[in-house]
Amino acid sequence: FAAFPSRFQLEEFRDLLPEAELSQLRNLVSMDFPPVDAPSQEYFAVSGMWEPRKNQAGLLKLLEAAGLDPTLYFIGAQKPADFPESKHWFLGQVPLAESRRIIGNSSGLISAAISETQNLAAIEAIMSGKPVLLSDIEAHRELKALIPDIPLFRLDDPKSFFDGYQQFISQSRDETILARSRRDAAAAFGLDAFTSAV
């Protein structure tokens, strides 16, 4: 028996495990946010260790190519040794409650990941009423199928990123879209969805 959080991942392993019973078991994301303080500045959250798979360096290049200069809070990432001084914050590993507070205080979450299985930080952001902007990869396309309002962008296309960013900013001011996305996320990753798959 083998369980995978994402459908695409399950399909990738089907031929490798012909005798196994395969099942999709989505992550259970239960968000019980404490009240968040008003942020002292506007920023976007970016989650994950600084590594090629998470592609934080690629995100900075896309922002520069698009002429955008938001402040980013890198949750889970230490500042690379060769990184110049900047206005961005490198928070390193933080406790889960603190990570959720940072996401809850943000204006949204951005991921330019090249590879993911299931983007938990993005789901947490959506469930906390924040918009997300995600790279157009298989894991994020699967997430968009469940939460249709998520804007995706192509990693090799600065215009696609800029267009997605504009949609992302627009969503941050649209309570109807944020509430709908939060409802869709709860339906896909809440307790009912988790227990029905067991």
N, C-alpha and C. Protein backbone atom coordinates (compact mmCIF):
# COMPACT_ATOMS: atom_id res chain seq x y z
N PHE A 1 0.85 -1.19 0.00
CA PHE A 1 0.00 0.00 0.00
C PHE A 1 0.89 1.24 0.00
N ALA A 2 0.53 2.22 -0.83
CA ALA A 2 1.29 3.47 -0.86
C ALA A 2 0.30 4.62 -1.04
N ALA A 3 0.51 5.69 -0.29
CA ALA A 3 -0.36 6.87 -0.37
C ALA A 3 0.48 8.08 -0.76
N PHE A 4 -0.12 8.94 -1.59
CA PHE A 4 0.55 10.13 -2.08
C PHE A 4 -0.38 11.32 -1.89
N PRO A 5 0.17 12.51 -1.61
CA PRO A 5 -0.71 13.67 -1.42
C PRO A 5 -1.29 14.20 -2.72
N SER A 6 -0.59 14.01 -3.85
CA SER A 6 -1.03 14.57 -5.12
C SER A 6 -1.36 13.47 -6.12
N ARG A 7 -2.36 13.71 -6.95
CA ARG A 7 -2.77 12.73 -7.96
C ARG A 7 -1.67 12.52 -8.99
N PHE A 8 -1.01 13.59 -9.44
CA PHE A 8 0.02 13.43 -10.47
C PHE A 8 1.17 12.57 -9.95
N GLN A 9 1.48 12.70 -8.67
CA GLN A 9 2.56 11.92 -8.08
C GLN A 9 2.17 10.44 -8.02
N LEU A 10 0.94 10.19 -7.66
CA LEU A 10 0.44 8.81 -7.64
C LEU A 10 0.58 8.18 -9.02
N GLU A 11 0.18 8.92 -10.07
CA GLU A 11 0.25 8.37 -11.43
C GLU A 11 1.68 8.11 -11.85
N GLU A 12 2.63 8.93 -11.41
CA GLU A 12 4.03 8.72 -11.74
C GLU A 12 4.55 7.41 -11.18
N PHE A 13 4.03 6.98 -10.05
CA PHE A 13 4.52 5.78 -9.39
C PHE A 13 3.72 4.52 -9.75
N ARG A 14 2.62 4.69 -10.49
CA ARG A 14 1.74 3.54 -10.77
C ARG A 14 2.50 2.40 -11.45
N ASP A 15 3.31 2.71 -12.46
CA ASP A 15 4.03 1.65 -13.18
C ASP A 15 5.20 1.09 -12.37
N LEU A 16 5.70 1.89 -11.41
CA LEU A 16 6.82 1.43 -10.60
C LEU A 16 6.39 0.52 -9.46
N LEU A 17 5.11 0.58 -9.10
CA LEU A 17 4.57 -0.22 -8.00
C LEU A 17 3.34 -0.99 -8.48
N PRO A 18 3.54 -1.88 -9.44
CA PRO A 18 2.36 -2.53 -10.05
C PRO A 18 1.56 -3.42 -9.10
N GLU A 19 2.20 -3.91 -8.06
CA GLU A 19 1.51 -4.81 -7.13
C GLU A 19 0.90 -4.06 -5.95
N ALA A 20 1.21 -2.80 -5.84
CA ALA A 20 0.76 -2.05 -4.66
C ALA A 20 -0.62 -1.46 -4.87
N GLU A 21 -1.33 -1.32 -3.77
CA GLU A 21 -2.57 -0.56 -3.79
C GLU A 21 -2.21 0.90 -3.56
N LEU A 22 -2.53 1.73 -4.54
CA LEU A 22 -2.16 3.15 -4.47
C LEU A 22 -3.37 3.99 -4.10
N SER A 23 -3.14 4.99 -3.30
CA SER A 23 -4.24 5.86 -2.88
C SER A 23 -3.74 7.29 -2.77
N GLN A 24 -4.63 8.23 -3.05
CA GLN A 24 -4.31 9.64 -2.80
C GLN A 24 -4.84 10.00 -1.43
N LEU A 25 -3.97 10.54 -0.61
CA LEU A 25 -4.34 10.97 0.73
C LEU A 25 -3.86 12.41 0.89
N ARG A 26 -4.74 13.36 0.59
CA ARG A 26 -4.35 14.76 0.66
C ARG A 26 -3.99 15.16 2.08
N ASN A 27 -3.11 16.13 2.16
CA ASN A 27 -2.75 16.65 3.47
C ASN A 27 -3.96 17.29 4.14
N LEU A 28 -4.06 17.10 5.43
CA LEU A 28 -5.08 17.78 6.23
C LEU A 28 -4.50 19.10 6.69
N VAL A 29 -5.14 20.19 6.31
CA VAL A 29 -4.67 21.52 6.70
C VAL A 29 -5.75 22.14 7.57
N SER A 30 -5.47 22.23 8.84
CA SER A 30 -6.42 22.80 9.78
C SER A 30 -5.87 24.13 10.27
N MET A 31 -6.52 25.21 9.88
CA MET A 31 -6.02 26.53 10.20
C MET A 31 -6.86 27.16 11.29
N ASP A 32 -6.24 27.38 12.42
CA ASP A 32 -6.90 28.08 13.51
C ASP A 32 -6.00 29.25 13.88
N PHE A 33 -6.10 30.32 13.10
CA PHE A 33 -5.20 31.46 13.28
C PHE A 33 -5.56 32.26 14.51
N PRO A 34 -4.57 32.62 15.31
CA PRO A 34 -4.82 33.63 16.33
C PRO A 34 -4.99 34.97 15.64
N PRO A 35 -5.57 35.95 16.31
CA PRO A 35 -5.67 37.28 15.69
C PRO A 35 -4.28 37.78 15.29
N VAL A 36 -4.19 38.39 14.12
CA VAL A 36 -2.90 38.86 13.65
C VAL A 36 -2.80 40.38 13.82
N ASP A 37 -1.60 40.83 14.08
CA ASP A 37 -1.37 42.26 14.22
C ASP A 37 -1.38 42.92 12.84
N ALA A 38 -1.67 44.18 12.81
CA ALA A 38 -1.55 44.92 11.56
C ALA A 38 -0.07 44.95 11.18
N PRO A 39 0.27 44.61 9.94
CA PRO A 39 1.70 44.61 9.57
C PRO A 39 2.28 46.01 9.59
N SER A 40 3.54 46.11 9.97
CA SER A 40 4.21 47.41 10.00
C SER A 40 4.57 47.86 8.59
N GLN A 41 4.62 46.91 7.66
CA GLN A 41 4.87 47.24 6.26
C GLN A 41 4.21 46.17 5.39
N GLU A 42 3.95 46.50 4.14
CA GLU A 42 3.38 45.52 3.22
C GLU A 42 4.49 44.59 2.74
N TYR A 43 4.22 43.31 2.73
CA TYR A 43 5.20 42.34 2.25
C TYR A 43 4.47 41.10 1.74
N PHE A 44 5.19 40.31 0.96
CA PHE A 44 4.69 39.02 0.49
C PHE A 44 5.52 37.91 1.11
N ALA A 45 4.88 36.81 1.43
CA ALA A 45 5.57 35.65 2.01
C ALA A 45 6.07 34.73 0.89
N VAL A 46 7.24 34.16 1.12
CA VAL A 46 7.83 33.15 0.24
C VAL A 46 8.33 32.04 1.16
N SER A 47 7.90 30.80 0.92
CA SER A 47 8.18 29.73 1.87
C SER A 47 9.18 28.72 1.32
N GLY A 48 10.04 28.22 2.19
CA GLY A 48 10.94 27.13 1.84
C GLY A 48 12.40 27.49 1.99
N MET A 49 13.24 26.46 2.18
CA MET A 49 14.68 26.67 2.23
C MET A 49 15.15 27.26 0.91
N TRP A 50 16.23 28.04 0.97
CA TRP A 50 16.79 28.63 -0.25
C TRP A 50 17.48 27.51 -1.03
N GLU A 51 16.87 27.09 -2.14
CA GLU A 51 17.41 25.98 -2.91
C GLU A 51 16.86 26.06 -4.34
N PRO A 52 17.54 25.40 -5.30
CA PRO A 52 17.09 25.48 -6.69
C PRO A 52 15.65 25.03 -6.90
N ARG A 53 15.21 24.00 -6.18
CA ARG A 53 13.85 23.49 -6.38
C ARG A 53 12.80 24.53 -6.00
N LYS A 54 13.07 25.32 -4.96
CA LYS A 54 12.12 26.36 -4.55
C LYS A 54 12.26 27.63 -5.40
N ASN A 55 13.44 27.81 -6.02
CA ASN A 55 13.64 28.82 -7.06
C ASN A 55 13.40 30.25 -6.58
N GLN A 56 13.83 30.56 -5.36
CA GLN A 56 13.68 31.94 -4.88
C GLN A 56 14.51 32.91 -5.72
N ALA A 57 15.69 32.48 -6.15
CA ALA A 57 16.53 33.35 -6.99
C ALA A 57 15.82 33.65 -8.31
N GLY A 58 15.14 32.65 -8.87
CA GLY A 58 14.38 32.86 -10.09
C GLY A 58 13.23 33.83 -9.89
N LEU A 59 12.59 33.77 -8.72
CA LEU A 59 11.51 34.71 -8.41
C LEU A 59 12.03 36.14 -8.41
N LEU A 60 13.19 36.37 -7.80
CA LEU A 60 13.75 37.71 -7.75
C LEU A 60 14.07 38.22 -9.16
N LYS A 61 14.53 37.34 -10.03
CA LYS A 61 14.81 37.74 -11.42
C LYS A 61 13.52 38.09 -12.15
N LEU A 62 12.46 37.33 -11.92
CA LEU A 62 11.17 37.64 -12.55
C LEU A 62 10.63 38.97 -12.08
N LEU A 63 10.75 39.24 -10.79
CA LEU A 63 10.29 40.53 -10.27
C LEU A 63 11.09 41.68 -10.89
N GLU A 64 12.39 41.49 -11.00
CA GLU A 64 13.22 42.54 -11.59
C GLU A 64 12.86 42.76 -13.05
N ALA A 65 12.68 41.66 -13.81
CA ALA A 65 12.34 41.78 -15.22
C ALA A 65 10.98 42.46 -15.42
N ALA A 66 10.08 42.28 -14.45
CA ALA A 66 8.75 42.89 -14.54
C ALA A 66 8.73 44.32 -13.98
N GLY A 67 9.86 44.79 -13.48
CA GLY A 67 9.90 46.14 -12.91
C GLY A 67 9.17 46.24 -11.59
N LEU A 68 9.12 45.15 -10.83
CA LEU A 68 8.41 45.11 -9.55
C LEU A 68 9.42 44.99 -8.41
N ASP A 69 9.12 45.63 -7.29
CA ASP A 69 10.08 45.65 -6.18
C ASP A 69 9.39 45.53 -4.82
N PRO A 70 8.58 44.48 -4.62
CA PRO A 70 7.94 44.33 -3.31
C PRO A 70 8.93 43.81 -2.27
N THR A 71 8.60 44.01 -1.02
CA THR A 71 9.37 43.41 0.07
C THR A 71 8.93 41.97 0.25
N LEU A 72 9.89 41.06 0.36
CA LEU A 72 9.61 39.64 0.53
C LEU A 72 10.10 39.16 1.89
N TYR A 73 9.29 38.33 2.55
CA TYR A 73 9.71 37.65 3.78
C TYR A 73 9.94 36.18 3.42
N PHE A 74 11.20 35.75 3.45
CA PHE A 74 11.55 34.38 3.10
C PHE A 74 11.47 33.52 4.36
N ILE A 75 10.39 32.76 4.48
CA ILE A 75 10.18 31.89 5.63
C ILE A 75 10.92 30.58 5.38
N GLY A 76 11.79 30.19 6.31
CA GLY A 76 12.52 28.94 6.18
C GLY A 76 13.86 29.08 5.49
N ALA A 77 14.17 30.27 4.98
CA ALA A 77 15.41 30.47 4.23
C ALA A 77 16.37 31.37 4.99
N GLN A 78 17.61 30.94 5.04
CA GLN A 78 18.69 31.79 5.54
C GLN A 78 19.21 32.63 4.38
N LYS A 79 19.73 33.81 4.68
CA LYS A 79 20.28 34.66 3.63
C LYS A 79 21.53 34.00 3.03
N PRO A 80 21.55 33.80 1.70
CA PRO A 80 22.75 33.22 1.08
C PRO A 80 23.97 34.11 1.32
N ALA A 81 25.12 33.48 1.44
CA ALA A 81 26.34 34.22 1.76
C ALA A 81 26.66 35.30 0.73
N ASP A 82 26.34 35.02 -0.54
CA ASP A 82 26.69 35.98 -1.59
C ASP A 82 25.55 36.93 -1.93
N PHE A 83 24.50 36.94 -1.11
CA PHE A 83 23.34 37.78 -1.41
C PHE A 83 23.62 39.22 -0.97
N PRO A 84 23.36 40.19 -1.84
CA PRO A 84 23.64 41.58 -1.46
C PRO A 84 22.67 42.08 -0.39
N GLU A 85 23.03 43.16 0.25
CA GLU A 85 22.12 43.78 1.21
C GLU A 85 20.85 44.22 0.48
N SER A 86 19.72 44.00 1.11
CA SER A 86 18.45 44.34 0.47
C SER A 86 17.40 44.59 1.54
N LYS A 87 16.21 44.94 1.07
CA LYS A 87 15.10 45.18 1.99
C LYS A 87 14.37 43.89 2.35
N HIS A 88 14.74 42.77 1.73
CA HIS A 88 14.06 41.50 1.99
C HIS A 88 14.47 40.93 3.36
N TRP A 89 13.59 40.15 3.93
CA TRP A 89 13.82 39.55 5.24
C TRP A 89 14.03 38.05 5.07
N PHE A 90 15.09 37.53 5.69
CA PHE A 90 15.39 36.11 5.67
C PHE A 90 15.18 35.59 7.10
N LEU A 91 14.11 34.85 7.31
CA LEU A 91 13.68 34.51 8.66
C LEU A 91 14.20 33.16 9.14
N GLY A 92 14.74 32.34 8.25
CA GLY A 92 15.21 31.03 8.66
C GLY A 92 14.05 30.15 9.13
N GLN A 93 14.41 29.07 9.81
CA GLN A 93 13.39 28.16 10.33
C GLN A 93 12.68 28.80 11.51
N VAL A 94 11.37 28.82 11.46
CA VAL A 94 10.58 29.40 12.55
C VAL A 94 9.52 28.38 12.96
N PRO A 95 9.03 28.46 14.20
CA PRO A 95 7.96 27.55 14.63
C PRO A 95 6.72 27.70 13.75
N LEU A 96 5.93 26.63 13.68
CA LEU A 96 4.75 26.62 12.82
C LEU A 96 3.82 27.79 13.11
N ALA A 97 3.56 28.05 14.38
CA ALA A 97 2.64 29.14 14.73
C ALA A 97 3.17 30.48 14.24
N GLU A 98 4.49 30.68 14.32
CA GLU A 98 5.08 31.92 13.85
C GLU A 98 5.01 32.03 12.32
N SER A 99 5.25 30.90 11.65
CA SER A 99 5.13 30.88 10.19
C SER A 99 3.72 31.26 9.76
N ARG A 100 2.73 30.72 10.43
CA ARG A 100 1.34 31.04 10.09
C ARG A 100 1.01 32.50 10.41
N ARG A 101 1.60 33.04 11.46
CA ARG A 101 1.37 34.45 11.79
C ARG A 101 1.97 35.34 10.70
N ILE A 102 3.15 34.97 10.21
CA ILE A 102 3.79 35.75 9.16
C ILE A 102 2.97 35.69 7.88
N ILE A 103 2.48 34.52 7.54
CA ILE A 103 1.61 34.39 6.36
C ILE A 103 0.33 35.18 6.56
N GLY A 104 -0.25 35.08 7.77
CA GLY A 104 -1.50 35.78 8.06
C GLY A 104 -1.36 37.30 8.02
N ASN A 105 -0.17 37.79 8.30
CA ASN A 105 0.09 39.23 8.27
C ASN A 105 0.48 39.73 6.89
N SER A 106 0.79 38.82 5.99
CA SER A 106 1.29 39.21 4.68
C SER A 106 0.16 39.71 3.78
N SER A 107 0.56 40.22 2.62
CA SER A 107 -0.42 40.59 1.59
C SER A 107 -0.67 39.44 0.63
N GLY A 108 0.00 38.33 0.84
CA GLY A 108 -0.17 37.16 -0.02
C GLY A 108 1.11 36.36 -0.08
N LEU A 109 1.06 35.22 -0.76
CA LEU A 109 2.21 34.33 -0.86
C LEU A 109 2.52 34.08 -2.33
N ILE A 110 3.82 34.07 -2.65
CA ILE A 110 4.27 33.83 -4.02
C ILE A 110 5.21 32.62 -4.01
N SER A 111 5.04 31.74 -4.99
CA SER A 111 5.96 30.62 -5.16
C SER A 111 6.34 30.50 -6.63
N ALA A 112 7.65 30.50 -6.88
CA ALA A 112 8.17 30.25 -8.23
C ALA A 112 8.84 28.88 -8.29
N ALA A 113 8.35 27.95 -7.48
CA ALA A 113 8.97 26.63 -7.38
C ALA A 113 9.03 25.93 -8.74
N ILE A 114 10.11 25.20 -8.94
CA ILE A 114 10.27 24.38 -10.14
C ILE A 114 9.66 23.00 -9.92
N SER A 115 9.65 22.55 -8.66
CA SER A 115 9.13 21.23 -8.32
C SER A 115 8.47 21.27 -6.95
N GLU A 116 7.31 20.68 -6.85
CA GLU A 116 6.57 20.54 -5.58
C GLU A 116 5.78 19.24 -5.63
N THR A 117 5.46 18.69 -4.46
CA THR A 117 4.49 17.61 -4.41
C THR A 117 3.12 18.19 -4.07
N GLN A 118 3.05 18.96 -3.01
CA GLN A 118 1.83 19.70 -2.68
C GLN A 118 2.26 20.90 -1.84
N ASN A 119 1.87 22.09 -2.27
CA ASN A 119 2.37 23.32 -1.67
C ASN A 119 1.53 23.67 -0.43
N LEU A 120 1.99 23.19 0.72
CA LEU A 120 1.24 23.40 1.95
C LEU A 120 1.18 24.88 2.35
N ALA A 121 2.27 25.60 2.15
CA ALA A 121 2.28 27.02 2.52
C ALA A 121 1.23 27.79 1.72
N ALA A 122 1.07 27.44 0.44
CA ALA A 122 0.06 28.10 -0.38
C ALA A 122 -1.34 27.80 0.13
N ILE A 123 -1.58 26.56 0.52
CA ILE A 123 -2.89 26.17 1.05
C ILE A 123 -3.15 26.92 2.36
N GLU A 124 -2.13 27.01 3.21
CA GLU A 124 -2.27 27.75 4.47
C GLU A 124 -2.59 29.22 4.21
N ALA A 125 -1.92 29.80 3.22
CA ALA A 125 -2.19 31.21 2.90
C ALA A 125 -3.64 31.40 2.46
N ILE A 126 -4.10 30.54 1.57
CA ILE A 126 -5.47 30.65 1.07
C ILE A 126 -6.47 30.48 2.20
N MET A 127 -6.21 29.52 3.08
CA MET A 127 -7.13 29.29 4.20
C MET A 127 -7.10 30.44 5.20
N SER A 128 -6.05 31.24 5.17
CA SER A 128 -6.01 32.41 6.06
C SER A 128 -6.55 33.66 5.37
N GLY A 129 -7.13 33.47 4.17
CA GLY A 129 -7.76 34.58 3.47
C GLY A 129 -6.80 35.42 2.66
N LYS A 130 -5.67 34.84 2.26
CA LYS A 130 -4.68 35.57 1.47
C LYS A 130 -4.62 35.01 0.05
N PRO A 131 -4.32 35.87 -0.94
CA PRO A 131 -4.16 35.36 -2.30
C PRO A 131 -2.80 34.70 -2.47
N VAL A 132 -2.67 33.88 -3.51
CA VAL A 132 -1.38 33.27 -3.84
C VAL A 132 -1.12 33.45 -5.33
N LEU A 133 0.14 33.47 -5.69
CA LEU A 133 0.60 33.50 -7.07
C LEU A 133 1.60 32.37 -7.21
N LEU A 134 1.31 31.41 -8.12
CA LEU A 134 2.09 30.18 -8.17
C LEU A 134 2.61 29.91 -9.58
N SER A 135 3.76 29.26 -9.63
CA SER A 135 4.34 28.85 -10.91
C SER A 135 3.49 27.75 -11.54
N ASP A 136 3.54 27.71 -12.86
CA ASP A 136 2.73 26.76 -13.62
C ASP A 136 3.47 25.43 -13.73
N ILE A 137 3.39 24.65 -12.65
CA ILE A 137 3.97 23.31 -12.60
C ILE A 137 2.85 22.33 -12.23
N GLU A 138 3.11 21.05 -12.36
CA GLU A 138 2.06 20.05 -12.20
C GLU A 138 1.36 20.14 -10.84
N ALA A 139 2.12 20.27 -9.78
CA ALA A 139 1.50 20.32 -8.44
C ALA A 139 0.59 21.54 -8.30
N HIS A 140 1.01 22.66 -8.87
CA HIS A 140 0.20 23.88 -8.76
C HIS A 140 -1.01 23.83 -9.69
N ARG A 141 -0.87 23.16 -10.85
CA ARG A 141 -2.04 22.99 -11.73
C ARG A 141 -3.09 22.12 -11.04
N GLU A 142 -2.63 21.11 -10.32
CA GLU A 142 -3.57 20.26 -9.58
C GLU A 142 -4.27 21.07 -8.48
N LEU A 143 -3.52 21.96 -7.84
CA LEU A 143 -4.10 22.81 -6.81
C LEU A 143 -5.12 23.77 -7.42
N LYS A 144 -4.81 24.31 -8.59
CA LYS A 144 -5.73 25.23 -9.27
C LYS A 144 -7.02 24.53 -9.68
N ALA A 145 -6.94 23.24 -10.01
CA ALA A 145 -8.15 22.50 -10.37
C ALA A 145 -9.11 22.43 -9.18
N LEU A 146 -8.56 22.47 -7.97
CA LEU A 146 -9.38 22.43 -6.75
C LEU A 146 -9.79 23.84 -6.30
N ILE A 147 -8.93 24.82 -6.58
CA ILE A 147 -9.15 26.21 -6.17
C ILE A 147 -8.96 27.07 -7.42
N PRO A 148 -10.00 27.20 -8.24
CA PRO A 148 -9.84 27.76 -9.59
C PRO A 148 -9.34 29.20 -9.65
N ASP A 149 -9.49 29.98 -8.61
CA ASP A 149 -9.09 31.39 -8.68
C ASP A 149 -7.59 31.61 -8.60
N ILE A 150 -6.81 30.57 -8.33
CA ILE A 150 -5.35 30.73 -8.21
C ILE A 150 -4.76 31.14 -9.56
N PRO A 151 -4.04 32.28 -9.62
CA PRO A 151 -3.33 32.63 -10.85
C PRO A 151 -2.00 31.87 -10.94
N LEU A 152 -1.72 31.33 -12.13
CA LEU A 152 -0.46 30.65 -12.40
C LEU A 152 0.34 31.45 -13.42
N PHE A 153 1.66 31.32 -13.37
CA PHE A 153 2.52 31.98 -14.34
C PHE A 153 3.58 31.01 -14.84
N ARG A 154 4.00 31.21 -16.09
CA ARG A 154 5.04 30.38 -16.68
C ARG A 154 6.41 30.89 -16.24
N LEU A 155 7.24 30.00 -15.81
CA LEU A 155 8.53 30.37 -15.25
C LEU A 155 9.46 31.02 -16.27
N ASP A 156 9.27 30.70 -17.55
CA ASP A 156 10.16 31.21 -18.58
C ASP A 156 9.60 32.44 -19.29
N ASP A 157 8.57 33.06 -18.72
CA ASP A 157 7.86 34.13 -19.43
C ASP A 157 7.59 35.30 -18.48
N PRO A 158 8.44 36.35 -18.51
CA PRO A 158 8.22 37.50 -17.62
C PRO A 158 6.85 38.15 -17.80
N LYS A 159 6.31 38.17 -19.03
CA LYS A 159 4.99 38.77 -19.23
C LYS A 159 3.91 37.94 -18.53
N SER A 160 4.03 36.61 -18.60
CA SER A 160 3.09 35.76 -17.90
C SER A 160 3.15 36.03 -16.40
N PHE A 161 4.37 36.22 -15.88
CA PHE A 161 4.52 36.54 -14.46
C PHE A 161 3.88 37.89 -14.14
N PHE A 162 4.15 38.90 -14.96
CA PHE A 162 3.60 40.23 -14.71
C PHE A 162 2.06 40.18 -14.73
N ASP A 163 1.48 39.49 -15.71
CA ASP A 163 0.02 39.39 -15.80
C ASP A 163 -0.55 38.67 -14.56
N GLY A 164 0.12 37.58 -14.16
CA GLY A 164 -0.32 36.86 -12.97
C GLY A 164 -0.21 37.71 -11.72
N TYR A 165 0.86 38.51 -11.64
CA TYR A 165 1.07 39.39 -10.50
C TYR A 165 -0.05 40.42 -10.40
N GLN A 166 -0.46 40.98 -11.53
CA GLN A 166 -1.55 41.96 -11.53
C GLN A 166 -2.85 41.32 -11.05
N GLN A 167 -3.11 40.10 -11.49
CA GLN A 167 -4.31 39.38 -11.03
C GLN A 167 -4.23 39.11 -9.53
N PHE A 168 -3.06 38.71 -9.08
CA PHE A 168 -2.78 38.44 -7.67
C PHE A 168 -3.05 39.67 -6.80
N ILE A 169 -2.56 40.83 -7.24
CA ILE A 169 -2.78 42.08 -6.50
C ILE A 169 -4.27 42.43 -6.49
N SER A 170 -4.92 42.25 -7.62
CA SER A 170 -6.36 42.53 -7.69
C SER A 170 -7.14 41.65 -6.72
N GLN A 171 -6.75 40.37 -6.63
CA GLN A 171 -7.44 39.45 -5.73
C GLN A 171 -7.25 39.85 -4.27
N SER A 172 -6.12 40.45 -3.94
CA SER A 172 -5.86 40.83 -2.55
C SER A 172 -6.87 41.87 -2.05
N ARG A 173 -7.56 42.53 -2.98
CA ARG A 173 -8.55 43.54 -2.61
C ARG A 173 -9.98 43.06 -2.84
N ASP A 174 -10.13 41.82 -3.23
CA ASP A 174 -11.46 41.29 -3.59
C ASP A 174 -11.90 40.25 -2.56
N GLU A 175 -12.69 40.69 -1.60
CA GLU A 175 -13.11 39.79 -0.51
C GLU A 175 -13.95 38.62 -1.03
N THR A 176 -14.67 38.82 -2.12
CA THR A 176 -15.49 37.73 -2.68
C THR A 176 -14.60 36.59 -3.16
N ILE A 177 -13.55 36.92 -3.92
CA ILE A 177 -12.64 35.90 -4.42
C ILE A 177 -11.89 35.23 -3.27
N LEU A 178 -11.44 36.02 -2.31
CA LEU A 178 -10.69 35.44 -1.18
C LEU A 178 -11.55 34.48 -0.38
N ALA A 179 -12.81 34.84 -0.16
CA ALA A 179 -13.72 33.96 0.59
C ALA A 179 -14.02 32.70 -0.21
N ARG A 180 -14.19 32.83 -1.52
CA ARG A 180 -14.46 31.66 -2.36
C ARG A 180 -13.26 30.72 -2.38
N SER A 181 -12.06 31.28 -2.49
CA SER A 181 -10.86 30.45 -2.49
C SER A 181 -10.68 29.74 -1.14
N ARG A 182 -10.97 30.46 -0.08
CA ARG A 182 -10.86 29.85 1.26
C ARG A 182 -11.85 28.70 1.41
N ARG A 183 -13.06 28.89 0.90
CA ARG A 183 -14.07 27.82 0.93
C ARG A 183 -13.62 26.62 0.12
N ASP A 184 -13.09 26.86 -1.08
CA ASP A 184 -12.62 25.76 -1.93
C ASP A 184 -11.47 25.01 -1.28
N ALA A 185 -10.56 25.75 -0.64
CA ALA A 185 -9.43 25.10 0.02
C ALA A 185 -9.89 24.24 1.19
N ALA A 186 -10.85 24.76 1.97
CA ALA A 186 -11.36 23.99 3.10
C ALA A 186 -12.07 22.72 2.62
N ALA A 187 -12.77 22.82 1.49
CA ALA A 187 -13.47 21.65 0.95
C ALA A 187 -12.48 20.59 0.49
N ALA A 188 -11.33 21.00 -0.04
CA ALA A 188 -10.35 20.06 -0.58
C ALA A 188 -9.39 19.53 0.47
N PHE A 189 -9.09 20.35 1.50
CA PHE A 189 -8.03 19.97 2.44
C PHE A 189 -8.48 20.01 3.90
N GLY A 190 -9.76 20.13 4.13
CA GLY A 190 -10.28 20.13 5.50
C GLY A 190 -10.49 18.71 6.02
N LEU A 191 -11.05 18.62 7.21
CA LEU A 191 -11.21 17.32 7.87
C LEU A 191 -12.13 16.39 7.09
N ASP A 192 -13.21 16.89 6.53
CA ASP A 192 -14.14 16.03 5.79
C ASP A 192 -13.47 15.38 4.60
N ALA A 193 -12.71 16.18 3.85
CA ALA A 193 -12.01 15.64 2.68
C ALA A 193 -10.96 14.61 3.09
N PHE A 194 -10.29 14.87 4.20
CA PHE A 194 -9.24 13.97 4.67
C PHE A 194 -9.83 12.64 5.12
N THR A 195 -10.87 12.68 5.93
CA THR A 195 -11.43 11.43 6.47
C THR A 195 -12.15 10.63 5.40
N SER A 196 -12.72 11.28 4.40
CA SER A 196 -13.42 10.54 3.35
C SER A 196 -12.47 9.75 2.46
N ALA A 197 -11.19 10.15 2.48
CA ALA A 197 -10.19 9.45 1.64
C ALA A 197 -9.56 8.29 2.37
N VAL A 198 -9.74 8.20 3.68
CA VAL A 198 -9.09 7.16 4.47
C VAL A 198 -9.77 5.81 4.24
